[in-house]
Amino acid sequence: MIKDRVKPDVITFNILINGYFRNLKFQSALEVFKEMRVKGCVPNVVTFNTLIKGFFREGKLKQGIGMAYEMIKLGCGLSNVTCEILIDGLMKEARVSEACDLVLDFSRKEVLPPKFVYFGLIENLCDQGNVIKARLMVDEIWHKGNAPDSITCTILIEGLRRAGNIESALNLMGKMLKHSIVPDSITFNCLLGDLCNSGRTSEANKLRLLASKKGVCLDEVSYNILVSGYSKEKKKKEGKAIVDEMLDKELNS
C-alpha cells in the first residue's frame, strides 16, 4: 500500500495488528505498531486494547500495563474495555492487589471511565476477608466522582455483614439510598434483620422509610421483620403501627 502511495489509516493498521495477534504472530503485530507510529498514524483506543490484550495473552503483564499508561500519556482515554482487559487479566493471575492498585491509580489520575464496573475486585477482596480494603477502595473511587453500581454496593454490604461490621454496612446502605442507588430487597431485608436482632428496630424503621422514598420495593418480609423486632423490644404501639400499614397496603402479615 505504501509503495503504491496509498497511505493506510488507523483502521487498516488495526486490522493488520489484530490479524497478526489472531495468528499468534506477536512480534509482527508490534512491528506494525511501530511502523504505524513512524508513518505518523495516531493509534486509537482499539489499537491499544488489541495490543494490551496481546501482551496479556503472552503473559507480558508489565508491558500490557505500560501500554495503558502510554495511552494516558498520548491523551487516548481508557475505555471500559481497556480496564476490563487489564483487571480481568491480573485477576486470572491471582494478582488482585495489583489490580486494585491499578484501578485506584487510574481513579487518582482521573482517567478511570465513569461507568467502569469493578464488582469482581470487591467480591474477591470480600471473599479473602479484606472487607476494610474493599470499603476504602469504594469510598475513594466514589469520592472522585465515580459512584459504584448497585451490584458493587450489595457485594460490599454482604461482605461487611459477614464480617460482623453492621455499622459500616448500615452507613453504606444509607449512602446508597441518598445517592438513589437502589439495593435489592434481599440484601435490604437482611440488613433490617441485623438491626432488629440487635435491638435497633427504630433505626431499621427509619431506614425503611428512607428506602421507600428512594424506590426500594418493600415486601411483606420487610414489614414482618420490623413487627418481630418491635415485639422483641416490647414496643406494642410501634409494632401495631407497622401492622396497620401492612393492612393498608394489603400485605399479608
Protein backbone atom coordinates (compact mmCIF):
# COMPACT_ATOMS: atom_id res chain seq x y z
CA MET A 1 0.00 0.00 0.00
CA ILE A 2 2.72 2.43 0.98
CA LYS A 3 4.78 1.57 -2.13
CA ASP A 4 1.73 2.43 -4.23
CA ARG A 5 1.48 5.73 -2.29
CA VAL A 6 -1.81 4.70 -0.71
CA LYS A 7 -1.50 5.88 2.88
CA PRO A 8 -3.02 3.37 5.33
CA ASP A 9 -5.20 4.80 8.08
CA VAL A 10 -5.68 3.73 11.69
CA ILE A 11 -8.41 1.26 10.73
CA THR A 12 -6.10 -0.50 8.29
CA PHE A 13 -3.30 -0.73 10.85
CA ASN A 14 -5.73 -2.02 13.49
CA ILE A 15 -6.89 -4.79 11.15
CA LEU A 16 -3.27 -5.80 10.49
CA ILE A 17 -2.33 -5.78 14.18
CA ASN A 18 -5.41 -7.79 15.14
CA GLY A 19 -4.76 -10.26 12.33
CA TYR A 20 -1.21 -10.91 13.46
CA PHE A 21 -2.35 -11.45 17.04
CA ARG A 22 -5.04 -13.88 15.91
CA ASN A 23 -2.36 -15.87 14.12
CA LEU A 24 -0.08 -15.73 17.17
CA LYS A 25 2.45 -13.53 15.36
CA PHE A 26 3.14 -11.27 18.31
CA GLN A 27 6.37 -9.75 17.04
CA SER A 28 4.85 -8.93 13.65
CA ALA A 29 1.99 -7.11 15.39
CA LEU A 30 4.48 -4.99 17.34
CA GLU A 31 6.41 -4.19 14.17
CA VAL A 32 3.20 -2.96 12.52
CA PHE A 33 2.52 -0.79 15.59
CA LYS A 34 6.00 0.72 15.35
CA GLU A 35 5.55 1.33 11.62
CA MET A 36 2.22 2.96 12.37
CA ARG A 37 3.90 5.47 14.67
CA VAL A 38 6.74 6.13 12.22
CA LYS A 39 4.25 6.87 9.44
CA GLY A 40 2.54 9.44 11.65
CA CYS A 41 -0.67 7.48 12.11
CA VAL A 42 -2.04 8.10 15.61
CA PRO A 43 -3.20 4.89 17.37
CA ASN A 44 -6.68 4.88 18.88
CA VAL A 45 -8.32 3.01 21.74
CA VAL A 46 -8.92 -0.05 19.54
CA THR A 47 -5.20 -0.19 18.70
CA PHE A 48 -4.18 -0.07 22.33
CA ASN A 49 -6.84 -2.53 23.50
CA THR A 50 -5.66 -5.03 20.90
CA LEU A 51 -2.03 -4.61 21.97
CA ILE A 52 -2.81 -4.84 25.69
CA LYS A 53 -4.84 -7.99 25.13
CA GLY A 54 -1.94 -9.41 23.11
CA PHE A 55 0.61 -8.63 25.82
CA PHE A 56 -1.58 -10.26 28.46
CA ARG A 57 -2.14 -13.31 26.26
CA GLU A 58 1.65 -13.67 26.01
CA GLY A 59 2.00 -13.34 29.79
CA LYS A 60 3.70 -9.95 29.42
CA LEU A 61 1.59 -8.20 32.04
CA LYS A 62 4.09 -5.45 32.82
CA GLN A 63 4.27 -4.44 29.15
CA GLY A 64 0.49 -4.56 28.86
CA ILE A 65 0.08 -2.23 31.83
CA GLY A 66 2.79 0.00 30.39
CA MET A 67 0.80 0.25 27.17
CA ALA A 68 -2.19 1.53 29.18
CA TYR A 69 -0.05 4.30 30.63
CA GLU A 70 1.18 5.07 27.11
CA MET A 71 -2.48 5.58 26.19
CA ILE A 72 -2.89 8.06 29.02
CA LYS A 73 0.31 9.88 28.03
CA LEU A 74 -0.93 10.27 24.46
CA GLY A 75 -4.30 11.55 25.64
CA CYS A 76 -6.14 8.49 24.37
CA GLY A 77 -8.80 7.88 27.01
CA LEU A 78 -9.11 4.49 28.67
CA SER A 79 -12.33 2.70 27.79
CA ASN A 80 -14.33 0.25 29.88
CA VAL A 81 -12.94 -2.49 27.63
CA THR A 82 -9.36 -1.35 28.35
CA CYS A 83 -9.92 -1.60 32.09
CA GLU A 84 -11.71 -4.94 31.79
CA ILE A 85 -8.78 -6.43 29.85
CA LEU A 86 -6.30 -5.19 32.46
CA ILE A 87 -8.27 -6.12 35.57
CA ASP A 88 -9.52 -9.49 34.31
CA GLY A 89 -6.00 -10.35 33.16
CA LEU A 90 -4.45 -9.52 36.52
CA MET A 91 -7.16 -11.38 38.44
CA LYS A 92 -6.63 -14.50 36.33
CA GLU A 93 -3.02 -14.43 37.51
CA ALA A 94 -4.18 -14.01 41.14
CA ARG A 95 -2.72 -10.51 41.24
CA VAL A 96 -5.75 -8.95 42.88
CA SER A 97 -3.83 -6.44 44.98
CA GLU A 98 -2.05 -5.15 41.87
CA ALA A 99 -5.39 -4.88 40.06
CA CYS A 100 -6.81 -2.82 42.94
CA ASP A 101 -3.79 -0.52 42.95
CA LEU A 102 -4.13 -0.03 39.20
CA VAL A 103 -7.81 0.94 39.42
CA LEU A 104 -7.07 3.33 42.29
CA ASP A 105 -4.20 4.91 40.35
CA PHE A 106 -6.45 5.42 37.32
CA SER A 107 -9.03 6.99 39.63
CA ARG A 108 -6.46 9.33 41.20
CA LYS A 109 -5.27 10.35 37.75
CA GLU A 110 -8.95 10.93 36.86
CA VAL A 111 -8.75 8.66 33.83
CA LEU A 112 -10.95 5.83 35.13
CA PRO A 113 -14.02 5.53 32.86
CA PRO A 114 -17.03 6.93 34.77
CA LYS A 115 -19.15 3.80 34.30
CA PHE A 116 -16.44 1.19 34.84
CA VAL A 117 -17.84 -1.65 36.96
CA TYR A 118 -15.34 -3.27 39.33
CA PHE A 119 -17.56 -5.51 41.47
CA GLY A 120 -15.33 -8.51 40.65
CA LEU A 121 -12.48 -6.91 42.58
CA ILE A 122 -14.70 -6.06 45.54
CA GLU A 123 -16.13 -9.58 45.58
CA ASN A 124 -12.63 -11.07 45.56
CA LEU A 125 -11.46 -8.82 48.39
CA CYS A 126 -14.53 -9.67 50.49
CA ASP A 127 -14.08 -13.40 49.85
CA GLN A 128 -10.49 -13.08 51.09
CA GLY A 129 -11.65 -11.27 54.21
CA ASN A 130 -10.27 -7.90 53.10
CA VAL A 131 -13.54 -6.03 53.61
CA ILE A 132 -11.83 -2.97 55.06
CA LYS A 133 -9.68 -2.60 51.94
CA ALA A 134 -12.77 -3.15 49.79
CA ARG A 135 -14.68 -0.41 51.65
CA LEU A 136 -11.76 2.03 51.44
CA MET A 137 -11.42 1.37 47.72
CA VAL A 138 -15.10 2.00 47.04
CA ASP A 139 -15.07 5.15 49.18
CA GLU A 140 -12.00 6.61 47.44
CA ILE A 141 -13.30 5.98 43.93
CA TRP A 142 -16.74 7.29 44.93
CA HIS A 143 -15.14 10.43 46.37
CA LYS A 144 -13.54 11.05 42.97
CA GLY A 145 -17.00 11.14 41.40
CA ASN A 146 -17.29 7.56 40.14
CA ALA A 147 -20.30 6.21 42.03
CA PRO A 148 -20.43 2.40 42.31
CA ASP A 149 -23.31 0.45 40.85
CA SER A 150 -25.90 -1.40 42.93
CA ILE A 151 -24.16 -4.78 42.48
CA THR A 152 -20.84 -3.47 43.80
CA CYS A 153 -22.54 -1.93 46.84
CA THR A 154 -24.59 -5.07 47.50
CA ILE A 155 -21.49 -7.28 47.40
CA LEU A 156 -19.69 -4.96 49.81
CA ILE A 157 -22.66 -4.79 52.19
CA GLU A 158 -22.84 -8.59 52.28
CA GLY A 159 -19.09 -8.74 52.93
CA LEU A 160 -19.38 -6.25 55.79
CA ARG A 161 -22.31 -8.18 57.26
CA ARG A 162 -20.38 -11.46 57.15
CA ALA A 163 -17.50 -9.74 58.92
CA GLY A 164 -19.90 -8.56 61.63
CA ASN A 165 -19.42 -4.91 60.71
CA ILE A 166 -23.09 -3.98 60.73
CA GLU A 167 -22.43 -0.30 61.41
CA SER A 168 -20.33 0.09 58.28
CA ALA A 169 -22.90 -1.87 56.26
CA LEU A 170 -25.64 0.44 57.57
CA ASN A 171 -23.64 3.56 56.69
CA LEU A 172 -23.05 2.26 53.18
CA MET A 173 -26.74 1.45 52.73
CA GLY A 174 -27.64 4.97 53.86
CA LYS A 175 -25.15 6.48 51.43
CA MET A 176 -26.54 4.32 48.61
CA LEU A 177 -30.08 5.47 49.25
CA LYS A 178 -29.09 9.14 49.46
CA HIS A 179 -27.48 8.78 46.03
CA SER A 180 -30.55 6.92 44.71
CA ILE A 181 -28.63 3.66 44.26
CA VAL A 182 -31.38 1.10 44.86
CA PRO A 183 -30.41 -2.16 46.63
CA ASP A 184 -32.12 -5.48 46.04
CA SER A 185 -34.83 -6.43 48.53
CA ILE A 186 -32.96 -9.48 49.87
CA THR A 187 -29.88 -7.51 50.95
CA PHE A 188 -32.04 -4.72 52.30
CA ASN A 189 -34.18 -7.12 54.36
CA CYS A 190 -31.09 -8.87 55.71
CA LEU A 191 -29.76 -5.56 56.99
CA LEU A 192 -33.14 -4.73 58.52
CA GLY A 193 -32.99 -8.10 60.28
CA ASP A 194 -29.48 -7.39 61.60
CA LEU A 195 -30.65 -4.11 63.11
CA CYS A 196 -33.79 -5.60 64.64
CA ASN A 197 -31.85 -8.55 66.08
CA SER A 198 -29.51 -6.11 67.83
CA GLY A 199 -32.37 -4.14 69.41
CA ARG A 200 -32.29 -1.31 66.89
CA THR A 201 -35.74 -1.68 65.34
CA SER A 202 -36.44 2.07 65.42
CA GLU A 203 -33.31 2.63 63.31
CA ALA A 204 -34.42 -0.14 60.99
CA ASN A 205 -37.78 1.55 60.56
CA LYS A 206 -36.13 4.90 59.74
CA LEU A 207 -34.07 3.11 57.12
CA ARG A 208 -37.25 1.54 55.76
CA LEU A 209 -38.90 4.95 55.42
CA LEU A 210 -35.88 6.38 53.58
CA ALA A 211 -35.74 3.33 51.30
CA SER A 212 -39.42 3.65 50.49
CA LYS A 213 -38.90 7.25 49.36
CA LYS A 214 -36.00 6.17 47.15
CA GLY A 215 -37.94 3.49 45.30
CA VAL A 216 -36.89 0.33 47.13
CA CYS A 217 -39.54 -2.36 46.66
CA LEU A 218 -40.57 -3.28 50.20
CA ASP A 219 -42.44 -6.55 50.67
CA GLU A 220 -44.20 -8.39 53.46
CA VAL A 221 -40.83 -9.76 54.62
CA SER A 222 -39.62 -6.21 55.31
CA TYR A 223 -42.67 -5.43 57.44
CA ASN A 224 -42.64 -8.79 59.26
CA ILE A 225 -39.02 -8.20 60.26
CA LEU A 226 -39.98 -4.86 61.80
CA VAL A 227 -43.05 -6.28 63.56
CA SER A 228 -40.93 -9.06 65.02
CA GLY A 229 -38.27 -6.56 66.10
CA TYR A 230 -40.75 -4.31 67.90
CA SER A 231 -42.31 -7.38 69.51
CA LYS A 232 -38.95 -8.47 70.93
CA GLU A 233 -38.41 -4.97 72.27
CA LYS A 234 -41.94 -4.99 73.74
CA LYS A 235 -42.95 -1.91 71.75
CA LYS A 236 -46.54 -2.86 71.01
CA LYS A 237 -47.64 0.57 69.82
CA GLU A 238 -44.91 0.78 67.18
CA GLY A 239 -45.49 -2.81 66.14
CA LYS A 240 -49.22 -2.20 65.72
CA ALA A 241 -48.50 0.85 63.55
CA ILE A 242 -46.45 -1.35 61.20
CA VAL A 243 -49.22 -3.98 61.09
CA ASP A 244 -51.80 -1.28 60.30
CA GLU A 245 -49.61 -0.01 57.48
CA MET A 246 -49.32 -3.55 56.14
CA LEU A 247 -53.09 -3.89 56.14
CA ASP A 248 -53.45 -0.56 54.36
CA LYS A 249 -51.06 -1.80 51.70
CA GLU A 250 -52.89 -5.16 51.62
CA LEU A 251 -49.77 -7.10 52.62
CA ASN A 252 -50.23 -10.37 54.49
CA SER A 253 -48.78 -10.39 57.99
